[in-house]
């Protein structure tokens, strides 16, 4: 399987398994609207946004898969990509999260 085929497969698997209805219910209960729309997005729009984020995250994987990847986020969604090279084989992994609350700390020096 090529890198592009694997990316497409993983995106389709995520889109099939992710519970977008639950995300919409959470957003409705929190009256969480997307910027520029003024309303809670429909499930179709959630799916469209998530798919785009997954594609953007996948673009961060270099062709050599030398421990590459990254993340991108918007509207509560976080898409991440990771790739590497183990035991003579390239691998990659895409993930999709919906975050209601999180904390990220800046790095700190230590002895």
N, C-alpha and C. Protein backbone atom coordinates (compact mmCIF):
# COMPACT_ATOMS: atom_id res chain seq x y z
N UNK A 1 0.85 -1.17 0.00
CA UNK A 1 0.00 0.00 0.00
C UNK A 1 0.90 1.24 0.00
N UNK A 2 0.57 2.20 -0.82
CA UNK A 2 1.36 3.44 -0.87
C UNK A 2 1.02 4.32 0.33
N UNK A 3 1.86 5.31 0.57
CA UNK A 3 1.61 6.27 1.65
C UNK A 3 0.25 6.95 1.44
N UNK A 4 -0.02 7.39 0.23
CA UNK A 4 -1.27 8.09 -0.06
C UNK A 4 -2.48 7.17 0.16
N UNK A 5 -2.37 5.91 -0.24
CA UNK A 5 -3.46 4.96 -0.04
C UNK A 5 -3.71 4.71 1.45
N UNK A 6 -2.63 4.60 2.22
CA UNK A 6 -2.77 4.38 3.66
C UNK A 6 -3.39 5.60 4.33
N UNK A 7 -2.97 6.78 3.93
CA UNK A 7 -3.57 8.00 4.48
C UNK A 7 -5.07 8.02 4.20
N UNK A 8 -5.45 7.75 2.96
CA UNK A 8 -6.87 7.74 2.60
C UNK A 8 -7.63 6.70 3.40
N UNK A 9 -7.05 5.52 3.57
CA UNK A 9 -7.70 4.45 4.35
C UNK A 9 -7.91 4.89 5.79
N UNK A 10 -6.87 5.48 6.39
CA UNK A 10 -6.99 5.90 7.78
C UNK A 10 -8.02 7.02 7.93
N UNK A 11 -8.05 7.95 6.99
CA UNK A 11 -9.06 9.01 7.05
C UNK A 11 -10.46 8.41 6.97
N UNK A 12 -10.67 7.48 6.05
CA UNK A 12 -11.99 6.86 5.92
C UNK A 12 -12.36 6.07 7.18
N UNK A 13 -11.39 5.35 7.76
CA UNK A 13 -11.65 4.61 8.99
C UNK A 13 -12.06 5.55 10.12
N UNK A 14 -11.35 6.67 10.25
CA UNK A 14 -11.68 7.65 11.28
C UNK A 14 -13.07 8.23 11.05
N UNK A 15 -13.35 8.59 9.81
CA UNK A 15 -14.65 9.18 9.50
C UNK A 15 -15.80 8.20 9.78
N UNK A 16 -15.55 6.91 9.59
CA UNK A 16 -16.56 5.88 9.87
C UNK A 16 -16.76 5.65 11.36
N UNK A 17 -15.69 5.75 12.14
CA UNK A 17 -15.73 5.39 13.56
C UNK A 17 -16.00 6.56 14.50
N UNK A 18 -15.64 7.78 14.11
CA UNK A 18 -15.78 8.93 15.00
C UNK A 18 -17.26 9.26 15.18
N UNK A 19 -17.65 9.58 16.40
CA UNK A 19 -19.06 9.85 16.71
C UNK A 19 -19.35 11.36 16.57
N UNK A 20 -19.62 11.78 15.34
CA UNK A 20 -19.89 13.19 15.08
C UNK A 20 -21.21 13.64 15.69
N UNK A 21 -22.18 12.73 15.81
CA UNK A 21 -23.45 13.06 16.45
C UNK A 21 -23.25 13.46 17.90
N UNK A 22 -22.37 12.77 18.59
CA UNK A 22 -22.08 13.09 19.98
C UNK A 22 -21.41 14.47 20.08
N UNK A 23 -20.51 14.76 19.16
CA UNK A 23 -19.86 16.07 19.15
C UNK A 23 -20.91 17.16 18.96
N UNK A 24 -21.83 16.95 18.04
CA UNK A 24 -22.86 17.95 17.81
C UNK A 24 -23.73 18.15 19.05
N UNK A 25 -24.08 17.05 19.73
CA UNK A 25 -24.88 17.17 20.95
C UNK A 25 -24.15 17.95 22.04
N UNK A 26 -22.85 17.70 22.18
CA UNK A 26 -22.05 18.44 23.17
C UNK A 26 -22.01 19.92 22.80
N UNK A 27 -21.79 20.21 21.53
CA UNK A 27 -21.73 21.60 21.10
C UNK A 27 -23.07 22.29 21.32
N UNK A 28 -24.18 21.59 21.05
CA UNK A 28 -25.50 22.17 21.29
C UNK A 28 -25.72 22.44 22.77
N UNK A 29 -25.31 21.51 23.64
CA UNK A 29 -25.53 21.70 25.07
C UNK A 29 -24.69 22.85 25.62
N UNK A 30 -23.56 23.12 24.98
CA UNK A 30 -22.69 24.23 25.41
C UNK A 30 -22.96 25.51 24.62
N UNK A 31 -23.89 25.45 23.68
CA UNK A 31 -24.17 26.56 22.77
C UNK A 31 -22.86 27.04 22.12
N UNK A 32 -22.10 26.06 21.65
CA UNK A 32 -20.77 26.29 21.06
C UNK A 32 -20.94 26.52 19.57
N UNK A 33 -20.74 27.73 19.14
CA UNK A 33 -20.88 28.07 17.73
C UNK A 33 -19.51 28.21 17.09
N UNK A 34 -19.46 27.98 15.80
CA UNK A 34 -18.22 28.19 15.06
C UNK A 34 -18.13 29.64 14.63
N UNK A 35 -16.95 30.17 14.72
CA UNK A 35 -16.69 31.55 14.34
C UNK A 35 -17.18 31.83 12.92
N UNK A 36 -17.85 32.95 12.78
CA UNK A 36 -18.33 33.35 11.47
C UNK A 36 -19.70 32.82 11.10
N UNK A 37 -20.18 31.79 11.81
CA UNK A 37 -21.48 31.22 11.47
C UNK A 37 -22.56 31.66 12.44
N UNK A 38 -22.20 31.83 13.69
CA UNK A 38 -23.18 32.21 14.70
C UNK A 38 -24.11 31.10 15.12
N UNK A 39 -23.85 29.88 14.66
CA UNK A 39 -24.71 28.76 15.05
C UNK A 39 -23.86 27.50 15.26
N UNK A 40 -24.48 26.54 15.95
CA UNK A 40 -23.83 25.25 16.15
C UNK A 40 -23.79 24.54 14.79
N UNK A 41 -22.63 24.02 14.39
CA UNK A 41 -22.55 23.37 13.08
C UNK A 41 -23.37 22.08 13.00
N UNK A 42 -23.87 21.81 11.80
CA UNK A 42 -24.56 20.55 11.53
C UNK A 42 -23.53 19.43 11.43
N UNK A 43 -23.99 18.19 11.55
CA UNK A 43 -23.07 17.05 11.48
C UNK A 43 -22.30 17.04 10.16
N UNK A 44 -22.94 17.40 9.06
CA UNK A 44 -22.26 17.46 7.77
C UNK A 44 -21.05 18.39 7.83
N UNK A 45 -21.25 19.57 8.45
CA UNK A 45 -20.17 20.55 8.55
C UNK A 45 -19.06 20.07 9.48
N UNK A 46 -19.43 19.37 10.55
CA UNK A 46 -18.43 18.79 11.45
C UNK A 46 -17.57 17.79 10.69
N UNK A 47 -18.21 16.93 9.92
CA UNK A 47 -17.50 15.93 9.13
C UNK A 47 -16.57 16.59 8.11
N UNK A 48 -17.08 17.58 7.43
CA UNK A 48 -16.29 18.29 6.42
C UNK A 48 -15.06 18.94 7.05
N UNK A 49 -15.25 19.61 8.18
CA UNK A 49 -14.13 20.25 8.87
C UNK A 49 -13.10 19.25 9.37
N UNK A 50 -13.58 18.15 9.93
CA UNK A 50 -12.67 17.12 10.45
C UNK A 50 -11.86 16.49 9.32
N UNK A 51 -12.50 16.19 8.21
CA UNK A 51 -11.79 15.59 7.07
C UNK A 51 -10.69 16.53 6.57
N UNK A 52 -10.99 17.82 6.50
CA UNK A 52 -9.99 18.78 6.05
C UNK A 52 -8.80 18.84 7.01
N UNK A 53 -9.08 18.83 8.30
CA UNK A 53 -7.99 18.83 9.29
C UNK A 53 -7.13 17.58 9.17
N UNK A 54 -7.75 16.42 8.97
CA UNK A 54 -6.98 15.18 8.81
C UNK A 54 -6.07 15.25 7.58
N UNK A 55 -6.58 15.81 6.50
CA UNK A 55 -5.76 15.96 5.29
C UNK A 55 -4.59 16.90 5.54
N UNK A 56 -4.84 17.99 6.27
CA UNK A 56 -3.76 18.93 6.59
C UNK A 56 -2.71 18.28 7.48
N UNK A 57 -3.15 17.52 8.47
CA UNK A 57 -2.20 16.83 9.36
C UNK A 57 -1.38 15.82 8.57
N UNK A 58 -2.01 15.12 7.63
CA UNK A 58 -1.30 14.12 6.83
C UNK A 58 -0.22 14.75 5.97
N UNK A 59 -0.42 15.98 5.52
CA UNK A 59 0.58 16.67 4.71
C UNK A 59 1.87 16.93 5.48
N UNK A 60 1.81 16.85 6.80
CA UNK A 60 2.98 17.11 7.64
C UNK A 60 3.91 15.91 7.73
N UNK A 61 3.51 14.78 7.15
CA UNK A 61 4.34 13.58 7.15
C UNK A 61 5.25 13.62 5.94
N UNK A 62 6.55 13.57 6.17
CA UNK A 62 7.46 13.60 5.02
C UNK A 62 7.54 12.22 4.36
N UNK A 63 8.04 12.19 3.14
CA UNK A 63 8.08 10.95 2.37
C UNK A 63 8.99 9.89 2.97
N UNK A 64 9.97 10.30 3.72
CA UNK A 64 10.90 9.34 4.31
C UNK A 64 10.39 8.79 5.63
N UNK A 65 9.36 9.41 6.19
CA UNK A 65 8.78 8.99 7.47
C UNK A 65 9.82 8.94 8.58
N UNK A 66 10.72 9.90 8.57
CA UNK A 66 11.75 9.97 9.61
C UNK A 66 11.19 10.67 10.84
N UNK A 67 10.39 9.98 11.61
CA UNK A 67 9.74 10.50 12.80
C UNK A 67 9.24 11.91 12.52
N UNK A 68 8.26 11.98 11.69
CA UNK A 68 7.69 13.27 11.32
C UNK A 68 6.22 13.30 11.69
N UNK A 69 5.60 14.42 11.42
CA UNK A 69 4.19 14.57 11.69
C UNK A 69 3.91 15.92 12.29
N UNK A 70 2.74 16.07 12.81
CA UNK A 70 2.36 17.34 13.40
C UNK A 70 0.90 17.33 13.79
N UNK A 71 0.38 18.52 14.02
CA UNK A 71 -1.02 18.63 14.40
C UNK A 71 -1.60 19.93 13.89
N UNK A 72 -2.91 19.95 13.77
CA UNK A 72 -3.64 21.14 13.38
C UNK A 72 -5.00 21.08 14.06
N UNK A 73 -5.55 22.24 14.38
CA UNK A 73 -6.81 22.23 15.11
C UNK A 73 -7.66 23.46 14.78
N UNK A 74 -8.95 23.29 14.97
CA UNK A 74 -9.91 24.39 14.86
C UNK A 74 -11.27 23.90 15.32
N UNK A 75 -12.07 24.80 15.86
CA UNK A 75 -13.45 24.49 16.21
C UNK A 75 -13.64 23.36 17.19
N UNK A 76 -12.63 23.06 18.00
CA UNK A 76 -12.71 21.97 18.96
C UNK A 76 -12.04 20.69 18.49
N UNK A 77 -11.81 20.57 17.18
CA UNK A 77 -11.15 19.38 16.64
C UNK A 77 -9.64 19.54 16.67
N UNK A 78 -8.96 18.43 16.91
CA UNK A 78 -7.51 18.35 16.84
C UNK A 78 -7.16 17.12 16.01
N UNK A 79 -6.46 17.33 14.91
CA UNK A 79 -6.00 16.22 14.07
C UNK A 79 -4.49 16.13 14.21
N UNK A 80 -3.99 14.92 14.44
CA UNK A 80 -2.56 14.71 14.59
C UNK A 80 -2.08 13.65 13.61
N UNK A 81 -0.81 13.76 13.26
CA UNK A 81 -0.18 12.74 12.41
C UNK A 81 1.19 12.42 12.99
N UNK A 82 1.54 11.17 12.88
CA UNK A 82 2.86 10.69 13.29
C UNK A 82 3.32 9.69 12.26
N UNK A 83 4.61 9.62 12.05
CA UNK A 83 5.17 8.62 11.14
C UNK A 83 6.57 8.27 11.60
N UNK A 84 7.01 7.12 11.19
CA UNK A 84 8.34 6.68 11.57
C UNK A 84 8.80 5.52 10.72
N UNK A 85 9.91 4.97 11.12
CA UNK A 85 10.55 3.88 10.40
C UNK A 85 11.03 2.88 11.44
N UNK A 86 10.40 1.72 11.51
CA UNK A 86 10.75 0.69 12.49
C UNK A 86 10.95 -0.65 11.80
N UNK A 87 12.02 -1.34 12.18
CA UNK A 87 12.30 -2.68 11.66
C UNK A 87 12.22 -2.75 10.14
N UNK A 88 12.74 -1.73 9.49
CA UNK A 88 12.79 -1.72 8.04
C UNK A 88 11.49 -1.35 7.35
N UNK A 89 10.47 -0.95 8.13
CA UNK A 89 9.18 -0.60 7.53
C UNK A 89 8.76 0.81 7.94
N UNK A 90 8.19 1.53 6.97
CA UNK A 90 7.62 2.84 7.26
C UNK A 90 6.23 2.64 7.85
N UNK A 91 5.85 3.52 8.76
CA UNK A 91 4.51 3.48 9.34
C UNK A 91 4.00 4.90 9.51
N UNK A 92 2.69 5.02 9.58
CA UNK A 92 2.09 6.32 9.87
C UNK A 92 0.79 6.12 10.62
N UNK A 93 0.39 7.15 11.34
CA UNK A 93 -0.82 7.08 12.16
C UNK A 93 -1.49 8.45 12.17
N UNK A 94 -2.78 8.49 11.87
CA UNK A 94 -3.58 9.70 11.97
C UNK A 94 -4.55 9.54 13.14
N UNK A 95 -4.84 10.65 13.82
CA UNK A 95 -5.78 10.64 14.93
C UNK A 95 -6.65 11.89 14.87
N UNK A 96 -7.88 11.75 15.36
CA UNK A 96 -8.80 12.88 15.45
C UNK A 96 -9.36 12.93 16.86
N UNK A 97 -9.33 14.12 17.45
CA UNK A 97 -9.86 14.34 18.80
C UNK A 97 -10.82 15.53 18.75
N UNK A 98 -11.78 15.51 19.66
CA UNK A 98 -12.60 16.69 19.89
C UNK A 98 -12.36 17.10 21.33
N UNK A 99 -11.90 18.31 21.53
CA UNK A 99 -11.46 18.77 22.85
C UNK A 99 -12.42 19.81 23.40
N UNK A 100 -12.97 19.53 24.55
CA UNK A 100 -13.83 20.49 25.23
C UNK A 100 -12.99 21.36 26.16
N UNK A 101 -11.93 20.79 26.71
CA UNK A 101 -11.09 21.51 27.65
C UNK A 101 -9.70 20.90 27.61
N UNK A 102 -8.69 21.72 27.64
CA UNK A 102 -7.32 21.20 27.69
C UNK A 102 -6.41 22.26 28.27
N UNK A 103 -5.24 21.83 28.68
CA UNK A 103 -4.21 22.73 29.20
C UNK A 103 -2.90 22.33 28.55
N UNK A 104 -2.19 23.31 28.03
CA UNK A 104 -0.86 23.08 27.47
C UNK A 104 0.10 24.04 28.17
N UNK A 105 1.14 23.51 28.72
CA UNK A 105 2.14 24.33 29.40
C UNK A 105 3.34 24.55 28.49
N UNK A 106 3.95 25.72 28.61
CA UNK A 106 5.20 25.97 27.89
C UNK A 106 6.29 25.15 28.56
N UNK A 107 7.32 24.82 27.79
CA UNK A 107 8.45 24.08 28.34
C UNK A 107 9.18 24.93 29.38
N UNK A 108 9.75 24.26 30.35
CA UNK A 108 10.52 24.93 31.40
C UNK A 108 11.87 24.26 31.52
N UNK A 109 12.87 25.04 31.85
CA UNK A 109 14.22 24.52 32.05
C UNK A 109 14.30 23.80 33.39
N UNK A 110 15.19 22.83 33.46
CA UNK A 110 15.44 22.12 34.70
C UNK A 110 16.90 21.72 34.77
N UNK A 111 17.37 21.39 35.97
CA UNK A 111 18.78 21.01 36.16
C UNK A 111 18.98 19.56 35.84
